[in-house]
Amino acid sequence: MQIPKLAIIVPCYNEELCIEATCKRLLEIIDMLSQKSKISQDSYIYFVDDGSKDKTWEIIENCHNSNPTNVKGLKFIRNYGNQKALIAGLEGVRELGCDCAVSIDADLQQDELAIEKFIDKYAEGYEIVLGIRNDRNTDGIFKKYSALLFYKTMNMLGAKIPVNHSDYRLVSKKALDMMKLYPEKALFLRGFFYELGLNTASVNFDVKPRSAGQSKFNFFSLMGLALNGITSFSIVPLRIVSCLGLFMAVIAFCLGVEAIYEKLYLQNVINGFTTVITMLGFIGGLQIFSLGVIGEYVGQVYKEVKARPRYITEKELN
């Protein structure tokens, strides 16, 4: 097997405080692995600036000018979100050329030394290597439990992804070529690569405290990611809505039978005012919830039908 050419994809948004140190550290990793003959010397870092408003792109340009062979980049005209930046990175390195690609966060909280383990798995013949964090000790209580809820909900509703796997992974050229066959705009990468069916392995790693800056992921962005993943890979929520509708129809039928029985045989005046109000409130809430679920799917269809580009590039460093 020939020595593979590695591309390290780094999505970044307003990371001026850490991007230079990140570039320096990843160049050290490339140099170390090339000296061990695990990757070729022309392996490179591919930064994707997701419309940063600070000096992130200026720093990336300086790094590229200092080392044009091993540092490349792409800048969006505005902020499109982390998933679009990752997709742009994967598409970009496929066009530039590589044998495999690793995506990693710009703050390097994910252990960059695990890249060597990814390469070792790739050398064993695995097309996709998933990074699985060992624990969530560096997260606050709210983020820790909201993340666990995210994974459990995703798997329960049909978007199968391993627990504690984010977007730290290695994918082969074959996986990148297969990705080109999926033109959908709201591609959910965690579910997509896991369900491709290619030979997949996993690598465990530790998460470090953030050295500088603040995380751009919060509860609302996590919820948006979850909704995108569920509506992209599962129709289970729609089936739940159908089952709830059938269940409510059965309850309504039973209540109707009871009312007729009391009227005809017991000659009782129906006193169920509280029951009626409660049921009306419950059914109204259920209807709104069901419309919301259906609306999420309609929204996904709406986005796909418009066929707008995933992102627009402003500058590129090759």
C-alpha atoms as a PDB file:
ATOM      1  CA  MET A   1       0.000   0.000   0.000  1.00  0.00           C
ATOM      2  CA  GLN A   2       1.398   3.367  -0.975  1.00  0.00           C
ATOM      3  CA  ILE A   3       1.836   6.144   1.574  1.00  0.00           C
ATOM      4  CA  PRO A   4      -1.511   8.006   1.754  1.00  0.00           C
ATOM      5  CA  LYS A   5      -1.968  11.728   1.289  1.00  0.00           C
ATOM      6  CA  LEU A   6      -3.892  13.121   4.249  1.00  0.00           C
ATOM      7  CA  ALA A   7      -6.080  16.233   4.347  1.00  0.00           C
ATOM      8  CA  ILE A   8      -7.010  17.658   7.757  1.00  0.00           C
ATOM      9  CA  ILE A   9     -10.245  19.671   7.545  1.00  0.00           C
ATOM     10  CA  VAL A  10     -10.669  22.422  10.138  1.00  0.00           C
ATOM     11  CA  PRO A  11     -13.979  24.356  10.132  1.00  0.00           C
ATOM     12  CA  CYS A  12     -13.637  27.633  12.008  1.00  0.00           C
ATOM     13  CA  TYR A  13     -15.762  30.618  12.950  1.00  0.00           C
ATOM     14  CA  ASN A  14     -14.300  33.595  14.842  1.00  0.00           C
ATOM     15  CA  GLU A  15     -11.291  31.599  16.061  1.00  0.00           C
ATOM     16  CA  GLU A  16      -8.600  34.294  15.887  1.00  0.00           C
ATOM     17  CA  LEU A  17      -7.447  33.480  19.428  1.00  0.00           C
ATOM     18  CA  CYS A  18      -6.459  29.898  18.644  1.00  0.00           C
ATOM     19  CA  ILE A  19      -6.228  29.361  14.876  1.00  0.00           C
ATOM     20  CA  GLU A  20      -2.507  30.136  14.573  1.00  0.00           C
ATOM     21  CA  ALA A  21      -1.605  27.750  17.400  1.00  0.00           C
ATOM     22  CA  THR A  22      -3.906  25.131  15.850  1.00  0.00           C
ATOM     23  CA  CYS A  23      -2.176  25.458  12.486  1.00  0.00           C
ATOM     24  CA  LYS A  24       1.259  25.130  14.076  1.00  0.00           C
ATOM     25  CA  ARG A  25       0.229  22.054  16.066  1.00  0.00           C
ATOM     26  CA  LEU A  26      -1.370  20.284  13.095  1.00  0.00           C
ATOM     27  CA  LEU A  27       1.710  20.956  10.965  1.00  0.00           C
ATOM     28  CA  GLU A  28       3.723  19.249  13.699  1.00  0.00           C
ATOM     29  CA  ILE A  29       1.374  16.259  13.502  1.00  0.00           C
ATOM     30  CA  ILE A  30       1.768  16.101   9.716  1.00  0.00           C
ATOM     31  CA  ASP A  31       5.542  16.319  10.041  1.00  0.00           C
ATOM     32  CA  MET A  32       5.609  13.600  12.717  1.00  0.00           C
ATOM     33  CA  LEU A  33       3.446  11.205  10.707  1.00  0.00           C
ATOM     34  CA  SER A  34       5.359  11.856   7.470  1.00  0.00           C
ATOM     35  CA  GLN A  35       8.648  11.111   9.247  1.00  0.00           C
ATOM     36  CA  LYS A  36       7.136   7.786  10.332  1.00  0.00           C
ATOM     37  CA  SER A  37       6.151   7.218   6.666  1.00  0.00           C
ATOM     38  CA  LYS A  38       2.492   6.938   7.634  1.00  0.00           C
ATOM     39  CA  ILE A  39       1.410   9.843   5.414  1.00  0.00           C
ATOM     40  CA  SER A  40       3.047  11.672   2.509  1.00  0.00           C
ATOM     41  CA  GLN A  41       4.923  14.940   2.987  1.00  0.00           C
ATOM     42  CA  ASP A  42       2.460  16.815   0.767  1.00  0.00           C
ATOM     43  CA  SER A  43      -0.394  16.147   3.201  1.00  0.00           C
ATOM     44  CA  TYR A  44      -2.109  19.381   4.162  1.00  0.00           C
ATOM     45  CA  ILE A  45      -4.475  21.305   6.430  1.00  0.00           C
ATOM     46  CA  TYR A  46      -7.656  22.654   4.844  1.00  0.00           C
ATOM     47  CA  PHE A  47      -9.232  25.496   6.821  1.00  0.00           C
ATOM     48  CA  VAL A  48     -12.847  26.434   6.127  1.00  0.00           C
ATOM     49  CA  ASP A  49     -13.671  29.907   7.423  1.00  0.00           C
ATOM     50  CA  ASP A  50     -17.411  29.944   8.018  1.00  0.00           C
ATOM     51  CA  GLY A  51     -17.841  33.690   7.453  1.00  0.00           C
ATOM     52  CA  SER A  52     -15.779  34.833  10.452  1.00  0.00           C
ATOM     53  CA  LYS A  53     -16.045  38.492  11.459  1.00  0.00           C
ATOM     54  CA  ASP A  54     -12.686  38.672  13.223  1.00  0.00           C
ATOM     55  CA  LYS A  55      -9.123  38.132  11.928  1.00  0.00           C
ATOM     56  CA  THR A  56      -9.461  34.366  11.437  1.00  0.00           C
ATOM     57  CA  TRP A  57      -9.129  34.493   7.640  1.00  0.00           C
ATOM     58  CA  GLU A  58      -6.232  36.955   7.786  1.00  0.00           C
ATOM     59  CA  ILE A  59      -4.339  34.531  10.040  1.00  0.00           C
ATOM     60  CA  ILE A  60      -5.138  31.625   7.706  1.00  0.00           C
ATOM     61  CA  GLU A  61      -3.779  33.614   4.757  1.00  0.00           C
ATOM     62  CA  ASN A  62      -0.561  34.312   6.679  1.00  0.00           C
ATOM     63  CA  CYS A  63      -0.167  30.618   7.488  1.00  0.00           C
ATOM     64  CA  HIS A  64      -0.754  29.749   3.820  1.00  0.00           C
ATOM     65  CA  ASN A  65       1.824  32.294   2.649  1.00  0.00           C
ATOM     66  CA  SER A  66       4.362  30.796   5.053  1.00  0.00           C
ATOM     67  CA  ASN A  67       3.626  27.230   3.956  1.00  0.00           C
ATOM     68  CA  PRO A  68       1.540  27.072   0.750  1.00  0.00           C
ATOM     69  CA  THR A  69       2.086  23.331   0.284  1.00  0.00           C
ATOM     70  CA  ASN A  70       0.721  22.226   3.635  1.00  0.00           C
ATOM     71  CA  VAL A  71      -1.814  24.975   4.447  1.00  0.00           C
ATOM     72  CA  LYS A  72      -4.849  25.636   2.263  1.00  0.00           C
ATOM     73  CA  GLY A  73      -8.184  27.250   2.906  1.00  0.00           C
ATOM     74  CA  LEU A  74     -11.634  28.356   1.886  1.00  0.00           C
ATOM     75  CA  LYS A  75     -13.697  31.344   3.035  1.00  0.00           C
ATOM     76  CA  PHE A  76     -17.486  31.600   2.928  1.00  0.00           C
ATOM     77  CA  ILE A  77     -19.119  34.879   1.960  1.00  0.00           C
ATOM     78  CA  ARG A  78     -21.217  34.622   5.163  1.00  0.00           C
ATOM     79  CA  ASN A  79     -21.877  32.246   8.031  1.00  0.00           C
ATOM     80  CA  TYR A  80     -23.635  29.040   6.906  1.00  0.00           C
ATOM     81  CA  GLY A  81     -23.099  26.813   9.946  1.00  0.00           C
ATOM     82  CA  ASN A  82     -20.725  24.082  11.044  1.00  0.00           C
ATOM     83  CA  GLN A  83     -22.259  21.280   8.959  1.00  0.00           C
ATOM     84  CA  LYS A  84     -22.035  23.306   5.740  1.00  0.00           C
ATOM     85  CA  ALA A  85     -18.403  24.147   6.561  1.00  0.00           C
ATOM     86  CA  LEU A  86     -17.611  20.456   7.033  1.00  0.00           C
ATOM     87  CA  ILE A  87     -19.321  19.552   3.762  1.00  0.00           C
ATOM     88  CA  ALA A  88     -17.380  22.308   1.964  1.00  0.00           C
ATOM     89  CA  GLY A  89     -14.159  20.970   3.453  1.00  0.00           C
ATOM     90  CA  LEU A  90     -14.882  17.424   2.333  1.00  0.00           C
ATOM     91  CA  GLU A  91     -15.814  18.569  -1.164  1.00  0.00           C
ATOM     92  CA  GLY A  92     -12.788  20.856  -1.304  1.00  0.00           C
ATOM     93  CA  VAL A  93     -10.196  18.240  -0.386  1.00  0.00           C
ATOM     94  CA  ARG A  94     -11.787  15.787  -2.808  1.00  0.00           C
ATOM     95  CA  GLU A  95     -11.193  18.292  -5.616  1.00  0.00           C
ATOM     96  CA  LEU A  96      -7.668  19.139  -4.445  1.00  0.00           C
ATOM     97  CA  GLY A  97      -6.814  15.478  -4.090  1.00  0.00           C
ATOM     98  CA  CYS A  98      -6.217  13.238  -1.086  1.00  0.00           C
ATOM     99  CA  ASP A  99      -6.413   9.587  -0.119  1.00  0.00           C
ATOM    100  CA  CYS A 100      -8.145  10.216   3.174  1.00  0.00           C
ATOM    101  CA  ALA A 101      -9.416  13.171   5.189  1.00  0.00           C
ATOM    102  CA  VAL A 102      -9.777  13.878   8.900  1.00  0.00           C
ATOM    103  CA  SER A 103     -12.107  16.571  10.244  1.00  0.00           C
ATOM    104  CA  ILE A 104     -11.306  18.179  13.597  1.00  0.00           C
ATOM    105  CA  ASP A 105     -12.506  21.210  15.566  1.00  0.00           C
ATOM    106  CA  ALA A 106     -10.480  24.418  15.378  1.00  0.00           C
ATOM    107  CA  ASP A 107      -9.939  24.610  19.143  1.00  0.00           C
ATOM    108  CA  LEU A 108      -8.222  21.172  19.190  1.00  0.00           C
ATOM    109  CA  GLN A 109     -10.203  20.063  22.214  1.00  0.00           C
ATOM    110  CA  GLN A 110     -10.356  16.729  20.446  1.00  0.00           C
ATOM    111  CA  ASP A 111      -7.009  14.995  20.966  1.00  0.00           C
ATOM    112  CA  GLU A 112      -5.040  15.653  17.780  1.00  0.00           C
ATOM    113  CA  LEU A 113      -2.690  12.750  18.580  1.00  0.00           C
ATOM    114  CA  ALA A 114      -5.582  10.389  17.817  1.00  0.00           C
ATOM    115  CA  ILE A 115      -5.049  11.231  14.128  1.00  0.00           C
ATOM    116  CA  GLU A 116      -2.217   8.710  14.145  1.00  0.00           C
ATOM    117  CA  LYS A 117      -4.623   6.023  15.377  1.00  0.00           C
ATOM    118  CA  PHE A 118      -7.030   6.991  12.590  1.00  0.00           C
ATOM    119  CA  ILE A 119      -4.267   6.541  10.022  1.00  0.00           C
ATOM    120  CA  ASP A 120      -3.331   3.164  11.528  1.00  0.00           C
ATOM    121  CA  LYS A 121      -6.936   1.996  11.157  1.00  0.00           C
ATOM    122  CA  TYR A 122      -7.015   3.310   7.603  1.00  0.00           C
ATOM    123  CA  ALA A 123      -3.840   1.322   6.860  1.00  0.00           C
ATOM    124  CA  GLU A 124      -5.639  -1.784   8.126  1.00  0.00           C
ATOM    125  CA  GLY A 125      -8.248  -1.319   5.406  1.00  0.00           C
ATOM    126  CA  TYR A 126     -10.996   0.683   7.123  1.00  0.00           C
ATOM    127  CA  GLU A 127     -12.716   3.261   4.924  1.00  0.00           C
ATOM    128  CA  ILE A 128     -14.268   5.232   7.802  1.00  0.00           C
ATOM    129  CA  VAL A 129     -12.870   5.706  11.301  1.00  0.00           C
ATOM    130  CA  LEU A 130     -15.126   7.322  13.903  1.00  0.00           C
ATOM    131  CA  GLY A 131     -13.725   9.265  16.837  1.00  0.00           C
ATOM    132  CA  ILE A 132     -15.535   8.403  20.094  1.00  0.00           C
ATOM    133  CA  ARG A 133     -14.818  10.558  23.130  1.00  0.00           C
ATOM    134  CA  ASN A 134     -14.112   8.638  26.333  1.00  0.00           C
ATOM    135  CA  ASP A 135     -16.217  10.846  28.611  1.00  0.00           C
ATOM    136  CA  ARG A 136     -17.874  14.252  28.937  1.00  0.00           C
ATOM    137  CA  ASN A 137     -15.996  15.433  32.022  1.00  0.00           C
ATOM    138  CA  THR A 138     -15.028  18.731  30.359  1.00  0.00           C
ATOM    139  CA  ASP A 139     -18.697  19.654  29.768  1.00  0.00           C
ATOM    140  CA  GLY A 140     -20.960  21.490  32.160  1.00  0.00           C
ATOM    141  CA  ILE A 141     -23.896  19.617  33.696  1.00  0.00           C
ATOM    142  CA  PHE A 142     -26.462  21.072  31.287  1.00  0.00           C
ATOM    143  CA  LYS A 143     -24.377  20.442  28.161  1.00  0.00           C
ATOM    144  CA  LYS A 144     -23.442  16.960  29.339  1.00  0.00           C
ATOM    145  CA  TYR A 145     -27.003  15.767  29.828  1.00  0.00           C
ATOM    146  CA  SER A 146     -28.429  17.621  26.834  1.00  0.00           C
ATOM    147  CA  ALA A 147     -25.790  15.901  24.650  1.00  0.00           C
ATOM    148  CA  LEU A 148     -26.695  12.481  26.062  1.00  0.00           C
ATOM    149  CA  LEU A 149     -30.368  13.253  25.422  1.00  0.00           C
ATOM    150  CA  PHE A 150     -29.423  14.254  21.873  1.00  0.00           C
ATOM    151  CA  TYR A 151     -27.805  10.877  21.121  1.00  0.00           C
ATOM    152  CA  LYS A 152     -30.566   8.836  22.757  1.00  0.00           C
ATOM    153  CA  THR A 153     -33.298  10.758  20.942  1.00  0.00           C
ATOM    154  CA  MET A 154     -31.510  10.479  17.600  1.00  0.00           C
ATOM    155  CA  ASN A 155     -31.105   6.714  17.912  1.00  0.00           C
ATOM    156  CA  MET A 156     -34.632   6.180  19.252  1.00  0.00           C
ATOM    157  CA  LEU A 157     -36.116   8.055  16.296  1.00  0.00           C
ATOM    158  CA  GLY A 158     -34.084   6.211  13.684  1.00  0.00           C
ATOM    159  CA  ALA A 159     -31.019   8.395  12.951  1.00  0.00           C
ATOM    160  CA  LYS A 160     -28.433   5.859  14.088  1.00  0.00           C
ATOM    161  CA  ILE A 161     -25.186   7.392  15.335  1.00  0.00           C
ATOM    162  CA  PRO A 162     -22.762   6.110  17.990  1.00  0.00           C
ATOM    163  CA  VAL A 163     -22.997   7.777  21.388  1.00  0.00           C
ATOM    164  CA  ASN A 164     -20.342  10.484  21.939  1.00  0.00           C
ATOM    165  CA  HIS A 165     -19.329  10.621  18.276  1.00  0.00           C
ATOM    166  CA  SER A 166     -19.253  14.168  16.948  1.00  0.00           C
ATOM    167  CA  ASP A 167     -17.528  15.128  13.693  1.00  0.00           C
ATOM    168  CA  TYR A 168     -14.017  13.925  14.503  1.00  0.00           C
ATOM    169  CA  ARG A 169     -13.520  11.173  11.963  1.00  0.00           C
ATOM    170  CA  LEU A 170     -11.447   9.889   9.083  1.00  0.00           C
ATOM    171  CA  VAL A 171     -13.027   9.139   5.715  1.00  0.00           C
ATOM    172  CA  SER A 172     -11.390   7.613   2.683  1.00  0.00           C
ATOM    173  CA  LYS A 173     -11.380   8.811  -0.921  1.00  0.00           C
ATOM    174  CA  LYS A 174     -13.976   6.141  -1.645  1.00  0.00           C
ATOM    175  CA  ALA A 175     -16.313   7.623   0.971  1.00  0.00           C
ATOM    176  CA  LEU A 176     -15.756  11.114  -0.469  1.00  0.00           C
ATOM    177  CA  ASP A 177     -16.638   9.845  -3.940  1.00  0.00           C
ATOM    178  CA  MET A 178     -19.824   8.258  -2.589  1.00  0.00           C
ATOM    179  CA  MET A 179     -20.741  11.527  -0.896  1.00  0.00           C
ATOM    180  CA  LYS A 180     -20.865  13.207  -4.294  1.00  0.00           C
ATOM    181  CA  LEU A 181     -23.810  10.953  -5.169  1.00  0.00           C
ATOM    182  CA  TYR A 182     -25.903  12.610  -2.442  1.00  0.00           C
ATOM    183  CA  PRO A 183     -27.019  16.036  -3.735  1.00  0.00           C
ATOM    184  CA  GLU A 184     -29.346  16.831  -0.822  1.00  0.00           C
ATOM    185  CA  LYS A 185     -28.715  20.225   0.754  1.00  0.00           C
ATOM    186  CA  ALA A 186     -29.248  19.339   4.415  1.00  0.00           C
ATOM    187  CA  LEU A 187     -26.896  16.362   4.535  1.00  0.00           C
ATOM    188  CA  PHE A 188     -26.450  15.116   8.118  1.00  0.00           C
ATOM    189  CA  LEU A 189     -22.854  13.896   8.126  1.00  0.00           C
ATOM    190  CA  ARG A 190     -22.887  11.887  11.344  1.00  0.00           C
ATOM    191  CA  GLY A 191     -25.731   9.723  10.122  1.00  0.00           C
ATOM    192  CA  PHE A 192     -24.581   9.710   6.494  1.00  0.00           C
ATOM    193  CA  PHE A 193     -21.111   8.242   7.049  1.00  0.00           C
ATOM    194  CA  TYR A 194     -22.360   5.788   9.664  1.00  0.00           C
ATOM    195  CA  GLU A 195     -24.972   4.360   7.289  1.00  0.00           C
ATOM    196  CA  LEU A 196     -22.901   4.214   4.110  1.00  0.00           C
ATOM    197  CA  GLY A 197     -22.074   0.569   4.752  1.00  0.00           C
ATOM    198  CA  LEU A 198     -18.330   0.920   4.279  1.00  0.00           C
ATOM    199  CA  ASN A 199     -15.828  -0.889   6.486  1.00  0.00           C
ATOM    200  CA  THR A 200     -15.946   1.183   9.684  1.00  0.00           C
ATOM    201  CA  ALA A 201     -13.829   1.267  12.845  1.00  0.00           C
ATOM    202  CA  SER A 202     -13.732   3.540  15.887  1.00  0.00           C
ATOM    203  CA  VAL A 203     -11.002   5.211  17.919  1.00  0.00           C
ATOM    204  CA  ASN A 204     -11.441   6.498  21.466  1.00  0.00           C
ATOM    205  CA  PHE A 205      -9.937   9.818  22.483  1.00  0.00           C
ATOM    206  CA  ASP A 206      -9.905  12.281  25.367  1.00  0.00           C
ATOM    207  CA  VAL A 207     -11.280  15.812  25.204  1.00  0.00           C
ATOM    208  CA  LYS A 208      -9.158  18.687  26.541  1.00  0.00           C
ATOM    209  CA  PRO A 209     -10.362  21.969  28.018  1.00  0.00           C
ATOM    210  CA  ARG A 210     -10.607  24.791  25.467  1.00  0.00           C
ATOM    211  CA  SER A 211      -7.342  26.754  25.363  1.00  0.00           C
ATOM    212  CA  ALA A 212      -8.842  30.008  24.046  1.00  0.00           C
ATOM    213  CA  GLY A 213     -12.116  31.497  22.853  1.00  0.00           C
ATOM    214  CA  GLN A 214     -15.618  30.124  23.411  1.00  0.00           C
ATOM    215  CA  SER A 215     -17.494  27.198  21.956  1.00  0.00           C
ATOM    216  CA  LYS A 216     -19.871  28.149  19.141  1.00  0.00           C
ATOM    217  CA  PHE A 217     -22.148  25.179  19.885  1.00  0.00           C
ATOM    218  CA  ASN A 218     -25.039  25.763  22.287  1.00  0.00           C
ATOM    219  CA  PHE A 219     -28.345  24.115  23.161  1.00  0.00           C
ATOM    220  CA  PHE A 220     -30.215  25.700  20.247  1.00  0.00           C
ATOM    221  CA  SER A 221     -27.609  24.713  17.645  1.00  0.00           C
ATOM    222  CA  LEU A 222     -27.637  21.179  19.070  1.00  0.00           C
ATOM    223  CA  MET A 223     -31.425  21.093  18.767  1.00  0.00           C
ATOM    224  CA  GLY A 224     -31.208  22.343  15.187  1.00  0.00           C
ATOM    225  CA  LEU A 225     -28.659  19.639  14.390  1.00  0.00           C
ATOM    226  CA  ALA A 226     -30.914  17.004  15.975  1.00  0.00           C
ATOM    227  CA  LEU A 227     -33.969  18.102  13.982  1.00  0.00           C
ATOM    228  CA  ASN A 228     -31.939  18.113  10.779  1.00  0.00           C
ATOM    229  CA  GLY A 229     -30.600  14.628  11.507  1.00  0.00           C
ATOM    230  CA  ILE A 230     -33.981  13.171  12.386  1.00  0.00           C
ATOM    231  CA  THR A 231     -35.844  14.645   9.419  1.00  0.00           C
ATOM    232  CA  SER A 232     -33.000  13.702   7.054  1.00  0.00           C
ATOM    233  CA  PHE A 233     -32.672  10.059   8.094  1.00  0.00           C
ATOM    234  CA  SER A 234     -35.923   8.961   9.694  1.00  0.00           C
ATOM    235  CA  ILE A 235     -39.697   9.016   9.169  1.00  0.00           C
ATOM    236  CA  VAL A 236     -40.350   7.572  12.653  1.00  0.00           C
ATOM    237  CA  PRO A 237     -41.807  10.891  13.953  1.00  0.00           C
ATOM    238  CA  LEU A 238     -44.377  10.854  11.140  1.00  0.00           C
ATOM    239  CA  ARG A 239     -45.368   7.316  12.101  1.00  0.00           C
ATOM    240  CA  ILE A 240     -45.652   8.393  15.737  1.00  0.00           C
ATOM    241  CA  VAL A 241     -48.047  11.142  14.651  1.00  0.00           C
ATOM    242  CA  SER A 242     -50.118   8.567  12.741  1.00  0.00           C
ATOM    243  CA  CYS A 243     -50.210   6.265  15.768  1.00  0.00           C
ATOM    244  CA  LEU A 244     -51.215   9.123  18.065  1.00  0.00           C
ATOM    245  CA  GLY A 245     -54.015  10.045  15.673  1.00  0.00           C
ATOM    246  CA  LEU A 246     -55.273   6.435  15.675  1.00  0.00           C
ATOM    247  CA  PHE A 247     -55.016   6.293  19.464  1.00  0.00           C
ATOM    248  CA  MET A 248     -57.039   9.501  19.885  1.00  0.00           C
ATOM    249  CA  ALA A 249     -59.638   8.197  17.443  1.00  0.00           C
ATOM    250  CA  VAL A 250     -60.066   5.062  19.591  1.00  0.00           C
ATOM    251  CA  ILE A 251     -60.433   7.169  22.750  1.00  0.00           C
ATOM    252  CA  ALA A 252     -63.000   9.428  21.070  1.00  0.00           C
ATOM    253  CA  PHE A 253     -64.961   6.355  19.905  1.00  0.00           C
ATOM    254  CA  CYS A 254     -64.972   4.882  23.426  1.00  0.00           C
ATOM    255  CA  LEU A 255     -66.144   8.177  24.932  1.00  0.00           C
ATOM    256  CA  GLY A 256     -68.900   8.360  22.311  1.00  0.00           C
ATOM    257  CA  VAL A 257     -70.075   4.834  23.135  1.00  0.00           C
ATOM    258  CA  GLU A 258     -70.105   5.697  26.841  1.00  0.00           C
ATOM    259  CA  ALA A 259     -72.137   8.854  26.218  1.00  0.00           C
ATOM    260  CA  ILE A 260     -74.727   6.988  24.126  1.00  0.00           C
ATOM    261  CA  TYR A 261     -74.981   4.212  26.727  1.00  0.00           C
ATOM    262  CA  GLU A 262     -75.587   6.653  29.574  1.00  0.00           C
ATOM    263  CA  LYS A 263     -78.153   8.567  27.536  1.00  0.00           C
ATOM    264  CA  LEU A 264     -80.190   5.582  26.307  1.00  0.00           C
ATOM    265  CA  TYR A 265     -79.924   3.051  29.134  1.00  0.00           C
ATOM    266  CA  LEU A 266     -79.046   4.931  32.303  1.00  0.00           C
ATOM    267  CA  GLN A 267     -81.076   8.041  31.495  1.00  0.00           C
ATOM    268  CA  ASN A 268     -78.332  10.119  33.079  1.00  0.00           C
ATOM    269  CA  VAL A 269     -77.524  13.667  32.157  1.00  0.00           C
ATOM    270  CA  ILE A 270     -73.912  13.704  31.101  1.00  0.00           C
ATOM    271  CA  ASN A 271     -71.948  15.744  33.609  1.00  0.00           C
ATOM    272  CA  GLY A 272     -68.517  15.341  32.014  1.00  0.00           C
ATOM    273  CA  PHE A 273     -67.781  19.045  31.582  1.00  0.00           C
ATOM    274  CA  THR A 274     -64.273  18.706  33.102  1.00  0.00           C
ATOM    275  CA  THR A 275     -63.549  15.682  30.935  1.00  0.00           C
ATOM    276  CA  VAL A 276     -64.617  17.525  27.806  1.00  0.00           C
ATOM    277  CA  ILE A 277     -62.459  20.573  28.604  1.00  0.00           C
ATOM    278  CA  THR A 278     -59.467  18.377  29.454  1.00  0.00           C
ATOM    279  CA  MET A 279     -59.838  16.343  26.281  1.00  0.00           C
ATOM    280  CA  LEU A 280     -60.255  19.463  24.155  1.00  0.00           C
ATOM    281  CA  GLY A 281     -57.046  20.943  25.582  1.00  0.00           C
ATOM    282  CA  PHE A 282     -55.161  17.670  25.151  1.00  0.00           C
ATOM    283  CA  ILE A 283     -56.360  17.098  21.604  1.00  0.00           C
ATOM    284  CA  GLY A 284     -55.610  20.731  20.677  1.00  0.00           C
ATOM    285  CA  GLY A 285     -52.056  20.434  21.995  1.00  0.00           C
ATOM    286  CA  LEU A 286     -51.612  17.114  20.208  1.00  0.00           C
ATOM    287  CA  GLN A 287     -52.784  18.651  16.942  1.00  0.00           C
ATOM    288  CA  ILE A 288     -50.342  21.551  17.243  1.00  0.00           C
ATOM    289  CA  PHE A 289     -47.509  19.132  18.085  1.00  0.00           C
ATOM    290  CA  SER A 290     -48.396  16.937  15.101  1.00  0.00           C
ATOM    291  CA  LEU A 291     -48.517  19.931  12.780  1.00  0.00           C
ATOM    292  CA  GLY A 292     -45.099  20.973  14.068  1.00  0.00           C
ATOM    293  CA  VAL A 293     -43.612  17.549  13.285  1.00  0.00           C
ATOM    294  CA  ILE A 294     -45.156  17.525   9.821  1.00  0.00           C
ATOM    295  CA  GLY A 295     -43.988  21.120   9.336  1.00  0.00           C
ATOM    296  CA  GLU A 296     -40.371  20.098   9.965  1.00  0.00           C
ATOM    297  CA  TYR A 297     -40.570  17.587   7.122  1.00  0.00           C
ATOM    298  CA  VAL A 298     -42.361  20.041   4.861  1.00  0.00           C
ATOM    299  CA  GLY A 299     -39.611  22.555   5.651  1.00  0.00           C
ATOM    300  CA  GLN A 300     -36.959  20.050   4.615  1.00  0.00           C
ATOM    301  CA  VAL A 301     -38.780  19.399   1.349  1.00  0.00           C
ATOM    302  CA  TYR A 302     -39.113  23.158   0.822  1.00  0.00           C
ATOM    303  CA  LYS A 303     -35.369  23.673   1.230  1.00  0.00           C
ATOM    304  CA  GLU A 304     -34.554  20.840  -1.164  1.00  0.00           C
ATOM    305  CA  VAL A 305     -37.052  21.994  -3.799  1.00  0.00           C
ATOM    306  CA  LYS A 306     -35.565  25.502  -3.866  1.00  0.00           C
ATOM    307  CA  ALA A 307     -32.195  23.853  -4.676  1.00  0.00           C
ATOM    308  CA  ARG A 308     -30.165  26.784  -3.377  1.00  0.00           C
ATOM    309  CA  PRO A 309     -26.411  26.230  -3.053  1.00  0.00           C
ATOM    310  CA  ARG A 310     -25.191  24.892   0.283  1.00  0.00           C
ATOM    311  CA  TYR A 311     -22.702  27.746   0.504  1.00  0.00           C
ATOM    312  CA  ILE A 312     -21.064  30.488  -1.550  1.00  0.00           C
ATOM    313  CA  THR A 313     -17.289  30.803  -1.610  1.00  0.00           C
ATOM    314  CA  GLU A 314     -15.645  34.194  -1.328  1.00  0.00           C
ATOM    315  CA  LYS A 315     -11.958  33.220  -1.373  1.00  0.00           C
ATOM    316  CA  GLU A 316      -9.902  30.068  -1.719  1.00  0.00           C
ATOM    317  CA  LEU A 317      -6.253  29.230  -1.056  1.00  0.00           C
ATOM    318  CA  ASN A 318      -4.966  26.238  -3.043  1.00  0.00           C
END
